[in-house]
């Protein structure tokens, strides 16, 4: 099970930190990823991190503003989003992959998903 939190309303230029907590039988090696879906648009990859190996991946267009990190003891990953823009407005979903090492940017690379958390950036 995945629980995403930390979304909200923020002004342009502001920051938010999203959290995604995994529970249940995850094993010690897995990947947690973030995707987002804006109104009228397809869901897109944002970032992901491998719990055991620590390798990360961030969408090229977001690398200068978004950072992902993890706390394995809490089975939680964090998405730090800085200098937010109105185009970042979306529902942000976390997703779980049992594979453990490769951080996929494809939705098909993840076995199950959380409900999502709304991020709204006002201009």
C-alpha atoms as a PDB file:
ATOM      1  CA  UNK A   1       0.000   0.000   0.000  1.00  0.00           C
ATOM      2  CA  UNK A   2       1.202   3.512  -0.802  1.00  0.00           C
ATOM      3  CA  UNK A   3       0.238   6.707   0.949  1.00  0.00           C
ATOM      4  CA  UNK A   4       1.131   9.984  -0.719  1.00  0.00           C
ATOM      5  CA  UNK A   5       0.966  13.251   1.172  1.00  0.00           C
ATOM      6  CA  UNK A   6       2.299  16.778   1.191  1.00  0.00           C
ATOM      7  CA  UNK A   7       0.364  18.311  -1.631  1.00  0.00           C
ATOM      8  CA  UNK A   8      -1.346  21.651  -1.369  1.00  0.00           C
ATOM      9  CA  UNK A   9      -1.693  25.151  -2.732  1.00  0.00           C
ATOM     10  CA  UNK A  10       1.446  27.201  -3.181  1.00  0.00           C
ATOM     11  CA  UNK A  11       2.354  30.374  -4.998  1.00  0.00           C
ATOM     12  CA  UNK A  12       4.687  30.516  -7.959  1.00  0.00           C
ATOM     13  CA  UNK A  13       8.254  30.215  -6.769  1.00  0.00           C
ATOM     14  CA  UNK A  14       7.290  28.336  -3.639  1.00  0.00           C
ATOM     15  CA  UNK A  15       8.282  24.864  -2.502  1.00  0.00           C
ATOM     16  CA  UNK A  16       6.570  21.689  -1.427  1.00  0.00           C
ATOM     17  CA  UNK A  17       7.812  18.349  -0.220  1.00  0.00           C
ATOM     18  CA  UNK A  18       5.777  15.325  -1.102  1.00  0.00           C
ATOM     19  CA  UNK A  19       6.041  12.082   0.817  1.00  0.00           C
ATOM     20  CA  UNK A  20       5.205   8.570  -0.249  1.00  0.00           C
ATOM     21  CA  UNK A  21       5.113   5.897   2.419  1.00  0.00           C
ATOM     22  CA  UNK A  22       5.019   2.240   1.511  1.00  0.00           C
ATOM     23  CA  UNK A  23       3.578  -0.348   3.822  1.00  0.00           C
ATOM     24  CA  UNK A  24       3.113  -4.062   3.808  1.00  0.00           C
ATOM     25  CA  UNK A  25       5.476  -6.645   2.371  1.00  0.00           C
ATOM     26  CA  UNK A  26       7.753  -4.544   0.240  1.00  0.00           C
ATOM     27  CA  UNK A  27      11.019  -6.348   0.711  1.00  0.00           C
ATOM     28  CA  UNK A  28      14.165  -4.326   1.179  1.00  0.00           C
ATOM     29  CA  UNK A  29      14.890  -3.609  -2.466  1.00  0.00           C
ATOM     30  CA  UNK A  30      12.287  -1.787  -4.484  1.00  0.00           C
ATOM     31  CA  UNK A  31      11.751   1.349  -6.492  1.00  0.00           C
ATOM     32  CA  UNK A  32       9.376   4.151  -5.642  1.00  0.00           C
ATOM     33  CA  UNK A  33       8.513   6.565  -8.377  1.00  0.00           C
ATOM     34  CA  UNK A  34       6.552   9.756  -8.808  1.00  0.00           C
ATOM     35  CA  UNK A  35       4.327  10.568 -11.739  1.00  0.00           C
ATOM     36  CA  UNK A  36       1.997  13.472 -12.282  1.00  0.00           C
ATOM     37  CA  UNK A  37      -1.085  14.161 -14.307  1.00  0.00           C
ATOM     38  CA  UNK A  38      -2.298  17.620 -15.132  1.00  0.00           C
ATOM     39  CA  UNK A  39      -5.884  18.243 -16.252  1.00  0.00           C
ATOM     40  CA  UNK A  40      -6.355  17.164 -19.828  1.00  0.00           C
ATOM     41  CA  UNK A  41      -2.872  15.732 -20.101  1.00  0.00           C
ATOM     42  CA  UNK A  42      -1.334  12.310 -19.950  1.00  0.00           C
ATOM     43  CA  UNK A  43       0.374  11.058 -16.859  1.00  0.00           C
ATOM     44  CA  UNK A  44       4.089  11.718 -16.969  1.00  0.00           C
ATOM     45  CA  UNK A  45       7.141  10.533 -15.094  1.00  0.00           C
ATOM     46  CA  UNK A  46       8.628  12.901 -12.540  1.00  0.00           C
ATOM     47  CA  UNK A  47      11.232  11.026 -10.540  1.00  0.00           C
ATOM     48  CA  UNK A  48      12.121   7.732  -8.914  1.00  0.00           C
ATOM     49  CA  UNK A  49      14.589   6.163  -6.519  1.00  0.00           C
ATOM     50  CA  UNK A  50      15.777   2.664  -5.742  1.00  0.00           C
ATOM     51  CA  UNK A  51      15.508   1.898  -2.056  1.00  0.00           C
ATOM     52  CA  UNK A  52      18.556  -0.352  -1.706  1.00  0.00           C
ATOM     53  CA  UNK A  53      20.956   0.959  -4.338  1.00  0.00           C
ATOM     54  CA  UNK A  54      19.977   4.580  -4.023  1.00  0.00           C
ATOM     55  CA  UNK A  55      20.124   5.373  -7.710  1.00  0.00           C
ATOM     56  CA  UNK A  56      17.759   8.091  -8.775  1.00  0.00           C
ATOM     57  CA  UNK A  57      16.149   9.386 -11.908  1.00  0.00           C
ATOM     58  CA  UNK A  58      14.507  12.750 -12.511  1.00  0.00           C
ATOM     59  CA  UNK A  59      12.751  13.926 -15.640  1.00  0.00           C
ATOM     60  CA  UNK A  60      15.161  16.091 -17.614  1.00  0.00           C
ATOM     61  CA  UNK A  61      12.861  19.098 -17.558  1.00  0.00           C
ATOM     62  CA  UNK A  62      12.653  19.002 -13.758  1.00  0.00           C
ATOM     63  CA  UNK A  63      16.231  18.240 -12.716  1.00  0.00           C
ATOM     64  CA  UNK A  64      17.041  21.789 -11.742  1.00  0.00           C
ATOM     65  CA  UNK A  65      14.047  22.092  -9.408  1.00  0.00           C
ATOM     66  CA  UNK A  66      13.031  18.637  -8.139  1.00  0.00           C
ATOM     67  CA  UNK A  67      15.013  16.314  -5.896  1.00  0.00           C
ATOM     68  CA  UNK A  68      14.140  12.856  -4.648  1.00  0.00           C
ATOM     69  CA  UNK A  69      15.401  11.192  -1.506  1.00  0.00           C
ATOM     70  CA  UNK A  70      14.529   8.243   0.720  1.00  0.00           C
ATOM     71  CA  UNK A  71      14.329   7.067   4.285  1.00  0.00           C
ATOM     72  CA  UNK A  72      14.485   3.294   4.120  1.00  0.00           C
ATOM     73  CA  UNK A  73      13.728   2.838   7.807  1.00  0.00           C
ATOM     74  CA  UNK A  74      10.391   4.543   7.209  1.00  0.00           C
ATOM     75  CA  UNK A  75       9.925   3.076   3.720  1.00  0.00           C
ATOM     76  CA  UNK A  76       9.310   6.597   2.593  1.00  0.00           C
ATOM     77  CA  UNK A  77      10.518   8.652  -0.313  1.00  0.00           C
ATOM     78  CA  UNK A  78      10.403  12.401  -0.551  1.00  0.00           C
ATOM     79  CA  UNK A  79      10.041  14.634  -3.547  1.00  0.00           C
ATOM     80  CA  UNK A  80      11.362  18.108  -2.871  1.00  0.00           C
ATOM     81  CA  UNK A  81       9.928  20.552  -5.358  1.00  0.00           C
ATOM     82  CA  UNK A  82      11.394  24.030  -5.508  1.00  0.00           C
ATOM     83  CA  UNK A  83      10.657  27.115  -7.564  1.00  0.00           C
ATOM     84  CA  UNK A  84       7.257  25.755  -8.437  1.00  0.00           C
ATOM     85  CA  UNK A  85       5.475  26.993 -11.514  1.00  0.00           C
ATOM     86  CA  UNK A  86       1.803  26.949 -12.536  1.00  0.00           C
ATOM     87  CA  UNK A  87       2.605  24.216 -15.038  1.00  0.00           C
ATOM     88  CA  UNK A  88       3.561  21.969 -12.119  1.00  0.00           C
ATOM     89  CA  UNK A  89      -0.083  21.903 -11.104  1.00  0.00           C
ATOM     90  CA  UNK A  90      -1.185  18.285 -11.219  1.00  0.00           C
ATOM     91  CA  UNK A  91      -2.115  15.284  -9.192  1.00  0.00           C
ATOM     92  CA  UNK A  92       1.083  13.608  -8.112  1.00  0.00           C
ATOM     93  CA  UNK A  93       1.045   9.835  -7.814  1.00  0.00           C
ATOM     94  CA  UNK A  94       3.595   7.551  -6.260  1.00  0.00           C
ATOM     95  CA  UNK A  95       4.137   4.114  -7.664  1.00  0.00           C
ATOM     96  CA  UNK A  96       5.872   0.943  -6.513  1.00  0.00           C
ATOM     97  CA  UNK A  97       8.099  -1.420  -8.436  1.00  0.00           C
ATOM     98  CA  UNK A  98       9.385  -4.688  -6.956  1.00  0.00           C
ATOM     99  CA  UNK A  99      12.291  -4.840  -9.383  1.00  0.00           C
ATOM    100  CA  UNK A 100      14.540  -3.010  -6.998  1.00  0.00           C
ATOM    101  CA  UNK A 101      17.230  -1.498  -9.151  1.00  0.00           C
ATOM    102  CA  UNK A 102      16.234   0.062 -12.441  1.00  0.00           C
ATOM    103  CA  UNK A 103      14.187   3.228 -12.112  1.00  0.00           C
ATOM    104  CA  UNK A 104      11.715   3.118 -14.937  1.00  0.00           C
ATOM    105  CA  UNK A 105      10.135   6.212 -16.410  1.00  0.00           C
ATOM    106  CA  UNK A 106       7.286   4.153 -17.845  1.00  0.00           C
ATOM    107  CA  UNK A 107       4.016   3.610 -16.013  1.00  0.00           C
ATOM    108  CA  UNK A 108       4.138  -0.035 -17.032  1.00  0.00           C
ATOM    109  CA  UNK A 109       7.272  -0.426 -14.964  1.00  0.00           C
ATOM    110  CA  UNK A 110       5.347  -0.136 -11.704  1.00  0.00           C
ATOM    111  CA  UNK A 111       3.135  -2.749 -10.102  1.00  0.00           C
ATOM    112  CA  UNK A 112       0.869  -0.641  -7.959  1.00  0.00           C
ATOM    113  CA  UNK A 113      -0.034   2.948  -7.292  1.00  0.00           C
ATOM    114  CA  UNK A 114      -1.095   5.286  -4.547  1.00  0.00           C
ATOM    115  CA  UNK A 115      -4.113   7.550  -4.732  1.00  0.00           C
ATOM    116  CA  UNK A 116      -2.272  10.738  -5.483  1.00  0.00           C
ATOM    117  CA  UNK A 117      -1.951  14.132  -3.898  1.00  0.00           C
ATOM    118  CA  UNK A 118      -2.996  17.409  -5.481  1.00  0.00           C
ATOM    119  CA  UNK A 119      -0.425  20.117  -6.085  1.00  0.00           C
ATOM    120  CA  UNK A 120      -1.734  23.490  -7.178  1.00  0.00           C
ATOM    121  CA  UNK A 121       0.586  26.353  -8.029  1.00  0.00           C
ATOM    122  CA  UNK A 122      -1.052  29.735  -8.286  1.00  0.00           C
ATOM    123  CA  UNK A 123       0.317  32.462 -10.520  1.00  0.00           C
END
